[in-house]
């Protein structure tokens, strides 16, 4: 999975509109932030590592002769752990980015085709237009309340699709920022008192990766569902003022928006809630 996923960050669909460009701009900006953040992160890492080794050395000196042999073995493990953290910092473009991209690759492969945020908004505009076109001129003159109802329905449908596209953009931007500015928190893994920050950062990468994968799953159904709803709105029953199809489509769009906003984040939180990589306890116990 790591070998097949490529790219520096979780890949967004090719830009074709304003929302796609927003995600792309954050992606490009994050690549510039990464180089600057790495310099600060490396410097802080060395200072915290020096402090950790100093404390470990003091504890070794005051230990009894019988405990020193055991502490010497643990000290080697500490060196390996801190070296591993340093490797994650310097090779974050390879390891962490590919880890997150692997989740996105699974979602993209399973969904078959990923709609870009701008495409999602376009589908919402198409469906909203179908609602407005369902009332002819005669209906507008003979039943004004129906026109108000149709206009409000079209607005709600468009708003739901905007919310769906917004969730996609937010998740992509979250992954870009996490894998650029968030690298800074890995430096805290070199010291026992702050190692939990680095561990939480790694868990956040897993959380966002799972969320992105599941988001691709649920958004992938948006295109066939929208086409089906658009066909339903072309029915001639609207001439008899039968608004049942409109209510069904409105309910379906609202449920889809709720699923996109709730399900991926909920499942990702349930999977990562209470999870521990053991990094903090390992750093503290190897002295």
Protein backbone atom coordinates (compact mmCIF):
# COMPACT_ATOMS: atom_id res chain seq x y z
CA UNK A 1 0.00 0.00 0.00
CA UNK A 2 2.84 2.38 0.87
CA UNK A 3 4.62 1.53 -2.36
CA UNK A 4 1.65 2.23 -4.61
CA UNK A 5 0.61 5.51 -3.01
CA UNK A 6 2.58 8.40 -4.43
CA UNK A 7 2.74 12.13 -4.01
CA UNK A 8 3.71 14.38 -1.17
CA UNK A 9 0.26 14.86 0.28
CA UNK A 10 -3.19 13.32 -0.01
CA UNK A 11 -4.08 14.02 -3.59
CA UNK A 12 -7.08 16.15 -4.47
CA UNK A 13 -8.96 15.67 -7.74
CA UNK A 14 -7.67 17.79 -10.65
CA UNK A 15 -8.70 21.43 -10.18
CA UNK A 16 -11.67 22.49 -12.30
CA UNK A 17 -13.30 25.22 -10.22
CA UNK A 18 -12.98 27.66 -7.35
CA UNK A 19 -13.20 25.07 -4.56
CA UNK A 20 -10.69 22.81 -6.29
CA UNK A 21 -8.30 25.74 -6.57
CA UNK A 22 -8.66 26.47 -2.85
CA UNK A 23 -7.55 22.93 -2.02
CA UNK A 24 -4.73 23.12 -4.55
CA UNK A 25 -3.48 26.44 -3.16
CA UNK A 26 -3.28 24.96 0.33
CA UNK A 27 -1.46 21.94 -1.05
CA UNK A 28 1.16 24.10 -2.77
CA UNK A 29 1.49 26.37 0.27
CA UNK A 30 1.96 23.35 2.54
CA UNK A 31 4.88 22.17 0.43
CA UNK A 32 6.56 25.53 1.00
CA UNK A 33 5.77 25.46 4.72
CA UNK A 34 7.32 22.02 5.11
CA UNK A 35 10.88 23.12 4.33
CA UNK A 36 10.71 25.98 6.81
CA UNK A 37 9.08 23.91 9.53
CA UNK A 38 11.68 21.13 9.19
CA UNK A 39 14.50 23.53 10.10
CA UNK A 40 12.80 24.59 13.33
CA UNK A 41 11.71 21.04 14.09
CA UNK A 42 15.21 19.61 13.73
CA UNK A 43 16.69 22.26 16.01
CA UNK A 44 14.09 21.70 18.72
CA UNK A 45 14.49 17.93 18.40
CA UNK A 46 18.22 18.05 19.11
CA UNK A 47 17.75 20.23 22.20
CA UNK A 48 15.06 17.97 23.62
CA UNK A 49 17.08 14.84 22.77
CA UNK A 50 20.09 16.32 24.57
CA UNK A 51 17.92 17.01 27.61
CA UNK A 52 16.53 13.46 27.55
CA UNK A 53 19.99 11.89 27.28
CA UNK A 54 21.22 14.12 30.13
CA UNK A 55 18.42 13.00 32.42
CA UNK A 56 18.96 9.37 31.43
CA UNK A 57 22.70 9.72 32.15
CA UNK A 58 22.06 11.19 35.58
CA UNK A 59 19.65 8.38 36.43
CA UNK A 60 22.28 5.89 35.28
CA UNK A 61 24.95 7.45 37.50
CA UNK A 62 22.82 7.43 40.65
CA UNK A 63 21.55 3.88 40.06
CA UNK A 64 22.93 0.96 42.00
CA UNK A 65 25.61 -1.20 40.35
CA UNK A 66 23.11 -4.02 39.93
CA UNK A 67 20.64 -1.78 38.06
CA UNK A 68 23.21 -0.16 35.78
CA UNK A 69 23.51 -3.19 33.52
CA UNK A 70 19.77 -3.24 32.90
CA UNK A 71 19.71 0.52 32.37
CA UNK A 72 22.50 0.26 29.82
CA UNK A 73 20.40 -2.07 27.68
CA UNK A 74 17.39 0.24 27.99
CA UNK A 75 19.58 3.19 27.01
CA UNK A 76 20.33 1.50 23.69
CA UNK A 77 16.62 1.06 23.11
CA UNK A 78 16.14 4.77 23.85
CA UNK A 79 18.74 5.66 21.23
CA UNK A 80 16.90 3.51 18.68
CA UNK A 81 13.54 5.12 19.51
CA UNK A 82 14.85 8.66 19.27
CA UNK A 83 16.66 7.80 16.05
CA UNK A 84 13.40 6.45 14.66
CA UNK A 85 11.65 9.73 15.51
CA UNK A 86 14.44 11.66 13.81
CA UNK A 87 14.00 9.48 10.74
CA UNK A 88 10.28 10.30 10.69
CA UNK A 89 11.12 14.02 10.81
CA UNK A 90 13.72 14.02 8.07
CA UNK A 91 11.87 11.50 5.87
CA UNK A 92 8.34 12.74 6.57
CA UNK A 93 7.76 13.35 2.86
CA UNK A 94 8.15 9.62 2.32
CA UNK A 95 6.80 7.85 5.39
CA UNK A 96 4.02 10.03 6.77
CA UNK A 97 2.75 11.32 3.44
CA UNK A 98 2.63 7.81 2.00
CA UNK A 99 0.90 6.53 5.13
CA UNK A 100 -1.90 9.07 4.74
CA UNK A 101 -2.01 8.65 0.97
CA UNK A 102 -2.45 4.90 1.38
CA UNK A 103 -5.80 5.48 3.11
CA UNK A 104 -6.85 7.90 0.38
CA UNK A 105 -5.77 5.39 -2.29
CA UNK A 106 -8.02 2.72 -0.77
CA UNK A 107 -11.01 5.06 -0.77
CA UNK A 108 -10.34 6.23 -4.31
CA UNK A 109 -9.92 2.66 -5.59
CA UNK A 110 -13.09 1.43 -3.89
CA UNK A 111 -15.18 4.42 -5.02
CA UNK A 112 -13.95 4.12 -8.60
CA UNK A 113 -14.19 7.82 -9.32
CA UNK A 114 -13.78 10.78 -6.98
CA UNK A 115 -15.82 13.89 -7.64
CA UNK A 116 -13.95 17.14 -7.08
CA UNK A 117 -15.53 19.74 -4.75
CA UNK A 118 -16.48 21.94 -7.70
CA UNK A 119 -18.14 18.98 -9.44
CA UNK A 120 -20.19 18.37 -6.30
CA UNK A 121 -21.40 21.98 -6.34
CA UNK A 122 -22.21 21.66 -10.04
CA UNK A 123 -24.34 18.59 -9.36
CA UNK A 124 -26.17 20.56 -6.69
CA UNK A 125 -26.80 23.38 -9.15
CA UNK A 126 -28.14 20.89 -11.69
CA UNK A 127 -30.51 19.30 -9.19
CA UNK A 128 -31.67 22.68 -7.86
CA UNK A 129 -32.34 23.82 -11.43
CA UNK A 130 -34.41 20.70 -12.04
CA UNK A 131 -36.55 21.59 -9.01
CA UNK A 132 -37.15 25.13 -10.27
CA UNK A 133 -37.96 23.92 -13.79
CA UNK A 134 -40.55 21.47 -12.46
CA UNK A 135 -43.09 24.30 -12.16
CA UNK A 136 -44.30 25.69 -15.46
CA UNK A 137 -45.47 29.22 -16.13
CA UNK A 138 -49.13 28.30 -15.60
CA UNK A 139 -48.29 26.79 -12.24
CA UNK A 140 -46.45 29.94 -11.22
CA UNK A 141 -49.50 32.06 -11.97
CA UNK A 142 -52.13 29.78 -10.48
CA UNK A 143 -50.27 28.62 -7.36
CA UNK A 144 -47.76 31.19 -6.00
CA UNK A 145 -47.24 29.33 -2.67
CA UNK A 146 -45.96 26.36 -4.67
CA UNK A 147 -43.37 28.61 -6.29
CA UNK A 148 -42.16 29.76 -2.87
CA UNK A 149 -41.99 26.16 -1.73
CA UNK A 150 -40.00 25.09 -4.81
CA UNK A 151 -37.60 28.02 -4.43
CA UNK A 152 -36.95 27.19 -0.80
CA UNK A 153 -36.45 23.51 -1.66
CA UNK A 154 -33.96 24.37 -4.40
CA UNK A 155 -32.05 26.58 -1.96
CA UNK A 156 -31.85 23.81 0.67
CA UNK A 157 -30.68 21.28 -1.93
CA UNK A 158 -27.97 23.66 -3.15
CA UNK A 159 -26.90 24.35 0.44
CA UNK A 160 -26.58 20.62 1.17
CA UNK A 161 -24.30 20.08 -1.82
CA UNK A 162 -22.20 23.08 -0.79
CA UNK A 163 -21.83 21.53 2.66
CA UNK A 164 -20.75 18.22 1.10
CA UNK A 165 -18.12 19.98 -1.03
CA UNK A 166 -17.00 21.97 2.01
CA UNK A 167 -16.38 18.78 3.97
CA UNK A 168 -14.20 17.42 1.18
CA UNK A 169 -12.17 20.65 1.02
CA UNK A 170 -11.81 20.80 4.82
CA UNK A 171 -10.53 17.23 5.03
CA UNK A 172 -8.02 17.76 2.21
CA UNK A 173 -6.77 21.03 3.73
CA UNK A 174 -6.54 19.34 7.13
CA UNK A 175 -4.30 16.65 5.66
CA UNK A 176 -2.07 19.24 3.94
CA UNK A 177 -1.60 21.29 7.11
CA UNK A 178 -1.10 18.21 9.25
CA UNK A 179 1.70 16.90 7.04
CA UNK A 180 3.48 20.24 6.83
CA UNK A 181 3.10 22.38 9.94
CA UNK A 182 2.17 19.37 12.06
CA UNK A 183 5.62 17.84 11.56
CA UNK A 184 6.80 20.28 14.24
CA UNK A 185 5.16 18.19 16.96
CA UNK A 186 7.36 15.21 16.14
CA UNK A 187 10.27 17.08 17.72
CA UNK A 188 8.62 16.71 21.13
CA UNK A 189 8.98 12.92 20.88
CA UNK A 190 12.62 13.19 21.92
CA UNK A 191 11.77 14.12 25.52
CA UNK A 192 9.80 12.04 28.00
CA UNK A 193 7.66 14.93 29.29
CA UNK A 194 6.48 15.95 25.81
CA UNK A 195 6.52 12.64 23.91
CA UNK A 196 2.72 12.43 24.09
CA UNK A 197 2.49 15.39 21.68
CA UNK A 198 4.38 13.45 19.02
CA UNK A 199 2.29 10.36 19.63
CA UNK A 200 -0.93 12.36 19.34
CA UNK A 201 0.32 13.83 16.07
CA UNK A 202 0.89 10.36 14.61
CA UNK A 203 -2.58 9.30 15.74
CA UNK A 204 -3.99 12.43 14.12
CA UNK A 205 -2.41 11.37 10.82
CA UNK A 206 -4.13 8.00 11.09
CA UNK A 207 -7.43 9.69 12.04
CA UNK A 208 -7.36 12.03 9.04
CA UNK A 209 -6.33 9.19 6.74
CA UNK A 210 -9.27 7.04 7.83
CA UNK A 211 -11.63 10.01 7.56
CA UNK A 212 -10.42 10.76 4.04
CA UNK A 213 -10.81 7.13 2.98
CA UNK A 214 -14.38 6.89 4.30
CA UNK A 215 -15.21 10.31 2.86
CA UNK A 216 -14.30 9.03 -0.59
CA UNK A 217 -16.59 6.07 0.02
CA UNK A 218 -19.68 8.13 0.84
CA UNK A 219 -19.02 10.95 -1.65
CA UNK A 220 -18.50 8.41 -4.41
CA UNK A 221 -22.23 7.62 -4.30
CA UNK A 222 -23.12 11.27 -4.83
CA UNK A 223 -22.96 11.12 -8.63
CA UNK A 224 -25.30 8.13 -9.22
CA UNK A 225 -27.69 9.36 -6.54
CA UNK A 226 -27.85 12.83 -8.10
CA UNK A 227 -28.55 11.38 -11.55
CA UNK A 228 -31.34 9.23 -10.11
CA UNK A 229 -32.88 12.18 -8.28
CA UNK A 230 -32.67 14.36 -11.40
CA UNK A 231 -34.59 11.72 -13.35
CA UNK A 232 -37.22 11.62 -10.63
CA UNK A 233 -37.71 15.38 -10.85
CA UNK A 234 -38.47 15.16 -14.58
CA UNK A 235 -41.74 13.37 -13.83
CA UNK A 236 -44.91 15.05 -15.14
CA UNK A 237 -46.70 14.58 -11.83
CA UNK A 238 -45.68 18.10 -10.83
CA UNK A 239 -48.33 19.42 -13.21
CA UNK A 240 -50.90 17.91 -10.84
CA UNK A 241 -49.18 19.53 -7.86
CA UNK A 242 -47.87 16.21 -6.55
CA UNK A 243 -44.84 17.29 -4.50
CA UNK A 244 -44.05 13.85 -3.13
CA UNK A 245 -40.99 13.38 -5.40
CA UNK A 246 -39.68 16.78 -4.31
CA UNK A 247 -39.97 15.79 -0.65
CA UNK A 248 -38.23 12.49 -1.31
CA UNK A 249 -35.36 14.18 -3.15
CA UNK A 250 -35.03 16.84 -0.46
CA UNK A 251 -34.90 14.19 2.26
CA UNK A 252 -32.34 12.18 0.28
CA UNK A 253 -30.06 15.19 -0.24
CA UNK A 254 -30.24 16.18 3.44
CA UNK A 255 -29.47 12.62 4.54
CA UNK A 256 -26.51 12.45 2.13
CA UNK A 257 -25.12 15.70 3.53
CA UNK A 258 -25.54 14.39 7.08
CA UNK A 259 -23.80 11.12 6.20
CA UNK A 260 -20.85 12.99 4.66
CA UNK A 261 -20.43 15.22 7.69
CA UNK A 262 -21.07 12.63 10.39
CA UNK A 263 -20.14 9.08 9.36
CA UNK A 264 -16.45 9.42 8.28
CA UNK A 265 -15.46 11.50 11.30
CA UNK A 266 -17.46 9.32 13.69
CA UNK A 267 -15.94 6.05 12.49
CA UNK A 268 -12.41 7.52 12.42
CA UNK A 269 -12.88 8.77 15.98
CA UNK A 270 -14.16 5.40 17.16
CA UNK A 271 -11.18 3.60 15.63
CA UNK A 272 -8.52 5.98 16.99
CA UNK A 273 -10.20 6.83 20.31
CA UNK A 274 -8.11 5.48 23.17
CA UNK A 275 -5.46 4.19 20.77
CA UNK A 276 -1.83 4.39 21.84
CA UNK A 277 1.35 3.79 19.90
CA UNK A 278 3.32 3.18 23.10
CA UNK A 279 5.86 5.87 22.22
CA UNK A 280 5.45 7.87 25.42
CA UNK A 281 5.70 4.88 27.73
CA UNK A 282 8.67 3.53 25.77
CA UNK A 283 10.63 6.78 26.07
CA UNK A 284 9.92 7.01 29.80
CA UNK A 285 10.67 3.37 30.58
CA UNK A 286 14.03 3.19 28.82
CA UNK A 287 15.99 5.00 31.54
